[in-house]
Amino acid sequence: MPQKVVSDDRLPVAQFTPWKVILSTLTLVYANRNLDSILGITAPEPLARLYSRSYYRATWVAVALDAGFASSMHIQTKWLRDISSVLFSLYYLVYAHEADEKLRKYRATCTVETLRVTWEKMGNPYVRSSRFTSTSRRSPDPTSQASQLISAQAHQGLAILCQTRARIGKHH
């Protein structure tokens, strides 16, 4: 005959509710992943002082948008793809490291479809509407660092496309 398991409320495990367990687990995972930053022993970024803060901010937003749009490009329904690409971009704004990893994976297997989707971000109606509300107050400067960044990303995308075509040409 199986023995009956008796729960004892005096044990410390019985005092934890499920949400406390989940929250403490996520906190420990975060602390484990960022222990070097928490202790202040991270290596200095070699190129950190080379560019301005606005340049880094522009690259952060551009990478998050690219990763979000690339993540949702396989969704067939257009309205769902438009909404999910914005939601994924917001996710990648918070988790910038994951955005870098996502784009690194897509760049390893670069396709014309990936380049097209990341290039045509402004075709999304939600991104387009947010752009009009933010730029209606002032006109954008074409020599700003953000436009230079977009131009640099365009050149990088073309370089990747050319490298991909060169690799395909070698194999055929």
C-alpha atoms as a PDB file:
ATOM      1  CA  MET A   1       0.000   0.000   0.000  1.00  0.00           C
ATOM      2  CA  PRO A   2       1.462   3.374  -1.023  1.00  0.00           C
ATOM      3  CA  GLN A   3       2.391   5.756   1.722  1.00  0.00           C
ATOM      4  CA  LYS A   4       0.553   9.011   2.043  1.00  0.00           C
ATOM      5  CA  VAL A   5       2.616  12.168   1.494  1.00  0.00           C
ATOM      6  CA  VAL A   6       1.990  14.584   4.314  1.00  0.00           C
ATOM      7  CA  SER A   7       2.514  18.290   3.698  1.00  0.00           C
ATOM      8  CA  ASP A   8       3.887  20.320   6.522  1.00  0.00           C
ATOM      9  CA  ASP A   9       3.174  24.054   6.545  1.00  0.00           C
ATOM     10  CA  ARG A  10       6.213  24.642   8.724  1.00  0.00           C
ATOM     11  CA  LEU A  11       8.529  23.862   5.815  1.00  0.00           C
ATOM     12  CA  PRO A  12       9.887  26.992   4.071  1.00  0.00           C
ATOM     13  CA  VAL A  13       8.860  25.653   0.635  1.00  0.00           C
ATOM     14  CA  ALA A  14       5.183  25.866   1.544  1.00  0.00           C
ATOM     15  CA  GLN A  15       5.480  29.629   2.063  1.00  0.00           C
ATOM     16  CA  PHE A  16       6.330  30.402  -1.582  1.00  0.00           C
ATOM     17  CA  THR A  17       3.492  31.095  -3.957  1.00  0.00           C
ATOM     18  CA  PRO A  18       3.903  30.231  -7.649  1.00  0.00           C
ATOM     19  CA  TRP A  19       4.369  33.864  -8.712  1.00  0.00           C
ATOM     20  CA  LYS A  20       7.135  34.306  -6.123  1.00  0.00           C
ATOM     21  CA  VAL A  21       8.918  31.236  -7.445  1.00  0.00           C
ATOM     22  CA  ILE A  22       8.656  32.457 -11.056  1.00  0.00           C
ATOM     23  CA  LEU A  23       9.775  35.987 -10.172  1.00  0.00           C
ATOM     24  CA  SER A  24      12.735  34.798  -8.113  1.00  0.00           C
ATOM     25  CA  THR A  25      13.763  32.352 -10.850  1.00  0.00           C
ATOM     26  CA  LEU A  26      13.688  35.068 -13.520  1.00  0.00           C
ATOM     27  CA  THR A  27      15.633  37.407 -11.231  1.00  0.00           C
ATOM     28  CA  LEU A  28      18.306  34.763 -10.646  1.00  0.00           C
ATOM     29  CA  VAL A  29      18.571  34.038 -14.385  1.00  0.00           C
ATOM     30  CA  TYR A  30      18.961  37.746 -15.126  1.00  0.00           C
ATOM     31  CA  ALA A  31      21.574  38.162 -12.393  1.00  0.00           C
ATOM     32  CA  ASN A  32      23.457  35.125 -13.671  1.00  0.00           C
ATOM     33  CA  ARG A  33      23.522  36.415 -17.270  1.00  0.00           C
ATOM     34  CA  ASN A  34      24.613  39.913 -16.221  1.00  0.00           C
ATOM     35  CA  LEU A  35      26.848  39.122 -13.258  1.00  0.00           C
ATOM     36  CA  ASP A  36      29.868  40.852 -14.781  1.00  0.00           C
ATOM     37  CA  SER A  37      27.867  44.040 -15.368  1.00  0.00           C
ATOM     38  CA  ILE A  38      26.375  43.920 -11.882  1.00  0.00           C
ATOM     39  CA  LEU A  39      29.824  43.568 -10.318  1.00  0.00           C
ATOM     40  CA  GLY A  40      31.310  46.200 -12.647  1.00  0.00           C
ATOM     41  CA  ILE A  41      33.993  43.952 -14.149  1.00  0.00           C
ATOM     42  CA  THR A  42      32.961  44.131 -17.803  1.00  0.00           C
ATOM     43  CA  ALA A  43      35.595  44.832 -20.396  1.00  0.00           C
ATOM     44  CA  PRO A  44      35.429  48.334 -21.851  1.00  0.00           C
ATOM     45  CA  GLU A  45      33.908  48.631 -25.302  1.00  0.00           C
ATOM     46  CA  PRO A  46      36.820  49.436 -27.633  1.00  0.00           C
ATOM     47  CA  LEU A  47      34.814  51.699 -29.953  1.00  0.00           C
ATOM     48  CA  ALA A  48      32.502  53.219 -27.324  1.00  0.00           C
ATOM     49  CA  ARG A  49      33.866  56.746 -27.503  1.00  0.00           C
ATOM     50  CA  LEU A  50      34.301  56.758 -31.266  1.00  0.00           C
ATOM     51  CA  TYR A  51      30.692  57.713 -32.077  1.00  0.00           C
ATOM     52  CA  SER A  52      28.078  59.940 -30.469  1.00  0.00           C
ATOM     53  CA  ARG A  53      25.133  58.761 -28.380  1.00  0.00           C
ATOM     54  CA  SER A  54      22.657  59.631 -31.112  1.00  0.00           C
ATOM     55  CA  TYR A  55      24.521  57.324 -33.517  1.00  0.00           C
ATOM     56  CA  TYR A  56      24.288  54.417 -31.072  1.00  0.00           C
ATOM     57  CA  ARG A  57      20.622  55.211 -30.444  1.00  0.00           C
ATOM     58  CA  ALA A  58      19.925  55.201 -34.187  1.00  0.00           C
ATOM     59  CA  THR A  59      21.709  51.873 -34.662  1.00  0.00           C
ATOM     60  CA  TRP A  60      19.820  50.415 -31.692  1.00  0.00           C
ATOM     61  CA  VAL A  61      16.463  51.383 -33.218  1.00  0.00           C
ATOM     62  CA  ALA A  62      17.454  50.303 -36.738  1.00  0.00           C
ATOM     63  CA  VAL A  63      18.678  46.890 -35.543  1.00  0.00           C
ATOM     64  CA  ALA A  64      15.510  46.382 -33.481  1.00  0.00           C
ATOM     65  CA  LEU A  65      13.319  47.241 -36.476  1.00  0.00           C
ATOM     66  CA  ASP A  66      15.319  44.977 -38.796  1.00  0.00           C
ATOM     67  CA  ALA A  67      15.139  42.062 -36.358  1.00  0.00           C
ATOM     68  CA  GLY A  68      11.417  42.578 -35.762  1.00  0.00           C
ATOM     69  CA  PHE A  69      10.572  42.749 -39.440  1.00  0.00           C
ATOM     70  CA  ALA A  70      12.830  39.811 -40.298  1.00  0.00           C
ATOM     71  CA  SER A  71      11.221  37.728 -37.531  1.00  0.00           C
ATOM     72  CA  SER A  72       7.732  38.313 -38.871  1.00  0.00           C
ATOM     73  CA  MET A  73       8.449  37.989 -42.584  1.00  0.00           C
ATOM     74  CA  HIS A  74       7.213  34.384 -42.746  1.00  0.00           C
ATOM     75  CA  ILE A  75       3.696  35.264 -41.529  1.00  0.00           C
ATOM     76  CA  GLN A  76       1.353  35.007 -44.511  1.00  0.00           C
ATOM     77  CA  THR A  77      -1.549  37.232 -43.411  1.00  0.00           C
ATOM     78  CA  LYS A  78      -0.586  40.839 -44.157  1.00  0.00           C
ATOM     79  CA  TRP A  79      -2.421  42.560 -41.297  1.00  0.00           C
ATOM     80  CA  LEU A  80      -1.064  40.035 -38.798  1.00  0.00           C
ATOM     81  CA  ARG A  81       2.447  40.408 -40.242  1.00  0.00           C
ATOM     82  CA  ASP A  82       2.228  44.215 -39.951  1.00  0.00           C
ATOM     83  CA  ILE A  83       1.132  44.085 -36.321  1.00  0.00           C
ATOM     84  CA  SER A  84       3.556  41.345 -35.324  1.00  0.00           C
ATOM     85  CA  SER A  85       6.508  43.088 -36.968  1.00  0.00           C
ATOM     86  CA  VAL A  86       5.882  46.163 -34.815  1.00  0.00           C
ATOM     87  CA  LEU A  87       5.428  44.014 -31.696  1.00  0.00           C
ATOM     88  CA  PHE A  88       8.600  42.059 -32.433  1.00  0.00           C
ATOM     89  CA  SER A  89      10.447  45.337 -32.996  1.00  0.00           C
ATOM     90  CA  LEU A  90       9.289  46.591 -29.595  1.00  0.00           C
ATOM     91  CA  TYR A  91      10.515  43.335 -28.060  1.00  0.00           C
ATOM     92  CA  TYR A  92      13.895  43.751 -29.740  1.00  0.00           C
ATOM     93  CA  LEU A  93      14.113  47.357 -28.524  1.00  0.00           C
ATOM     94  CA  VAL A  94      14.084  45.984 -24.983  1.00  0.00           C
ATOM     95  CA  TYR A  95      16.315  42.971 -25.708  1.00  0.00           C
ATOM     96  CA  ALA A  96      18.983  44.464 -27.964  1.00  0.00           C
ATOM     97  CA  HIS A  97      21.371  41.521 -27.612  1.00  0.00           C
ATOM     98  CA  GLU A  98      18.749  39.139 -28.984  1.00  0.00           C
ATOM     99  CA  ALA A  99      18.187  41.524 -31.895  1.00  0.00           C
ATOM    100  CA  ASP A 100      21.893  41.374 -32.733  1.00  0.00           C
ATOM    101  CA  GLU A 101      21.821  37.584 -32.564  1.00  0.00           C
ATOM    102  CA  LYS A 102      18.708  37.386 -34.746  1.00  0.00           C
ATOM    103  CA  LEU A 103      20.244  39.609 -37.419  1.00  0.00           C
ATOM    104  CA  ARG A 104      23.512  37.680 -37.251  1.00  0.00           C
ATOM    105  CA  LYS A 105      21.578  34.482 -38.052  1.00  0.00           C
ATOM    106  CA  TYR A 106      19.723  36.132 -40.922  1.00  0.00           C
ATOM    107  CA  ARG A 107      22.911  37.624 -42.330  1.00  0.00           C
ATOM    108  CA  ALA A 108      24.560  34.200 -42.275  1.00  0.00           C
ATOM    109  CA  THR A 109      21.918  32.975 -44.727  1.00  0.00           C
ATOM    110  CA  CYS A 110      21.179  36.202 -46.544  1.00  0.00           C
ATOM    111  CA  THR A 111      18.309  36.074 -49.018  1.00  0.00           C
ATOM    112  CA  VAL A 112      16.777  38.665 -51.274  1.00  0.00           C
ATOM    113  CA  GLU A 113      13.524  38.288 -49.318  1.00  0.00           C
ATOM    114  CA  THR A 114      15.254  39.224 -46.051  1.00  0.00           C
ATOM    115  CA  LEU A 115      16.859  42.263 -47.648  1.00  0.00           C
ATOM    116  CA  ARG A 116      13.562  43.341 -49.164  1.00  0.00           C
ATOM    117  CA  VAL A 117      11.653  43.013 -45.892  1.00  0.00           C
ATOM    118  CA  THR A 118      14.222  44.912 -43.847  1.00  0.00           C
ATOM    119  CA  TRP A 119      14.595  47.541 -46.561  1.00  0.00           C
ATOM    120  CA  GLU A 120      10.857  48.241 -46.874  1.00  0.00           C
ATOM    121  CA  LYS A 121      10.159  48.930 -43.202  1.00  0.00           C
ATOM    122  CA  MET A 122       8.438  52.190 -44.012  1.00  0.00           C
ATOM    123  CA  GLY A 123       5.816  50.307 -46.016  1.00  0.00           C
ATOM    124  CA  ASN A 124       4.305  49.132 -42.730  1.00  0.00           C
ATOM    125  CA  PRO A 125       1.251  51.311 -42.024  1.00  0.00           C
ATOM    126  CA  TYR A 126       1.925  51.431 -38.257  1.00  0.00           C
ATOM    127  CA  VAL A 127       5.533  52.536 -38.661  1.00  0.00           C
ATOM    128  CA  ARG A 128       4.515  55.044 -41.314  1.00  0.00           C
ATOM    129  CA  SER A 129       1.837  56.571 -39.058  1.00  0.00           C
ATOM    130  CA  SER A 130       4.267  56.875 -36.157  1.00  0.00           C
ATOM    131  CA  ARG A 131       6.795  58.585 -38.418  1.00  0.00           C
ATOM    132  CA  PHE A 132       4.278  61.230 -39.481  1.00  0.00           C
ATOM    133  CA  THR A 133       3.328  62.047 -35.904  1.00  0.00           C
ATOM    134  CA  SER A 134       6.934  62.410 -34.782  1.00  0.00           C
ATOM    135  CA  THR A 135       8.250  64.391 -37.787  1.00  0.00           C
ATOM    136  CA  SER A 136       5.306  66.742 -38.180  1.00  0.00           C
ATOM    137  CA  ARG A 137       6.889  69.091 -35.631  1.00  0.00           C
ATOM    138  CA  ARG A 138      10.192  69.507 -37.455  1.00  0.00           C
ATOM    139  CA  SER A 139      11.687  68.658 -40.774  1.00  0.00           C
ATOM    140  CA  PRO A 140      14.400  65.981 -40.790  1.00  0.00           C
ATOM    141  CA  ASP A 141      17.942  67.001 -41.579  1.00  0.00           C
ATOM    142  CA  PRO A 142      19.248  64.931 -44.526  1.00  0.00           C
ATOM    143  CA  THR A 143      22.804  65.189 -43.160  1.00  0.00           C
ATOM    144  CA  SER A 144      21.832  63.858 -39.727  1.00  0.00           C
ATOM    145  CA  GLN A 145      23.515  60.793 -38.307  1.00  0.00           C
ATOM    146  CA  ALA A 146      20.303  58.780 -38.582  1.00  0.00           C
ATOM    147  CA  SER A 147      20.129  59.298 -42.355  1.00  0.00           C
ATOM    148  CA  GLN A 148      23.844  58.531 -42.620  1.00  0.00           C
ATOM    149  CA  LEU A 149      23.219  55.323 -40.657  1.00  0.00           C
ATOM    150  CA  ILE A 150      20.412  54.293 -42.997  1.00  0.00           C
ATOM    151  CA  SER A 151      22.680  54.974 -45.955  1.00  0.00           C
ATOM    152  CA  ALA A 152      25.447  52.911 -44.340  1.00  0.00           C
ATOM    153  CA  GLN A 153      23.014  50.052 -43.730  1.00  0.00           C
ATOM    154  CA  ALA A 154      21.915  50.222 -47.355  1.00  0.00           C
ATOM    155  CA  HIS A 155      25.522  49.915 -48.494  1.00  0.00           C
ATOM    156  CA  GLN A 156      26.060  47.047 -46.055  1.00  0.00           C
ATOM    157  CA  GLY A 157      22.956  45.286 -47.351  1.00  0.00           C
ATOM    158  CA  LEU A 158      24.117  45.686 -50.934  1.00  0.00           C
ATOM    159  CA  ALA A 159      27.560  44.390 -49.997  1.00  0.00           C
ATOM    160  CA  ILE A 160      26.002  41.326 -48.383  1.00  0.00           C
ATOM    161  CA  LEU A 161      23.826  40.771 -51.449  1.00  0.00           C
ATOM    162  CA  CYS A 162      26.872  41.025 -53.721  1.00  0.00           C
ATOM    163  CA  GLN A 163      28.828  38.593 -51.541  1.00  0.00           C
ATOM    164  CA  THR A 164      25.919  36.168 -51.620  1.00  0.00           C
ATOM    165  CA  ARG A 165      25.654  36.399 -55.386  1.00  0.00           C
ATOM    166  CA  ALA A 166      29.412  35.876 -55.688  1.00  0.00           C
ATOM    167  CA  ARG A 167      29.189  32.738 -53.530  1.00  0.00           C
ATOM    168  CA  ILE A 168      26.292  31.428 -55.598  1.00  0.00           C
ATOM    169  CA  GLY A 169      28.211  32.166 -58.803  1.00  0.00           C
ATOM    170  CA  LYS A 170      31.205  30.149 -57.579  1.00  0.00           C
ATOM    171  CA  HIS A 171      29.061  27.087 -56.948  1.00  0.00           C
ATOM    172  CA  HIS A 172      27.343  27.092 -60.362  1.00  0.00           C
END
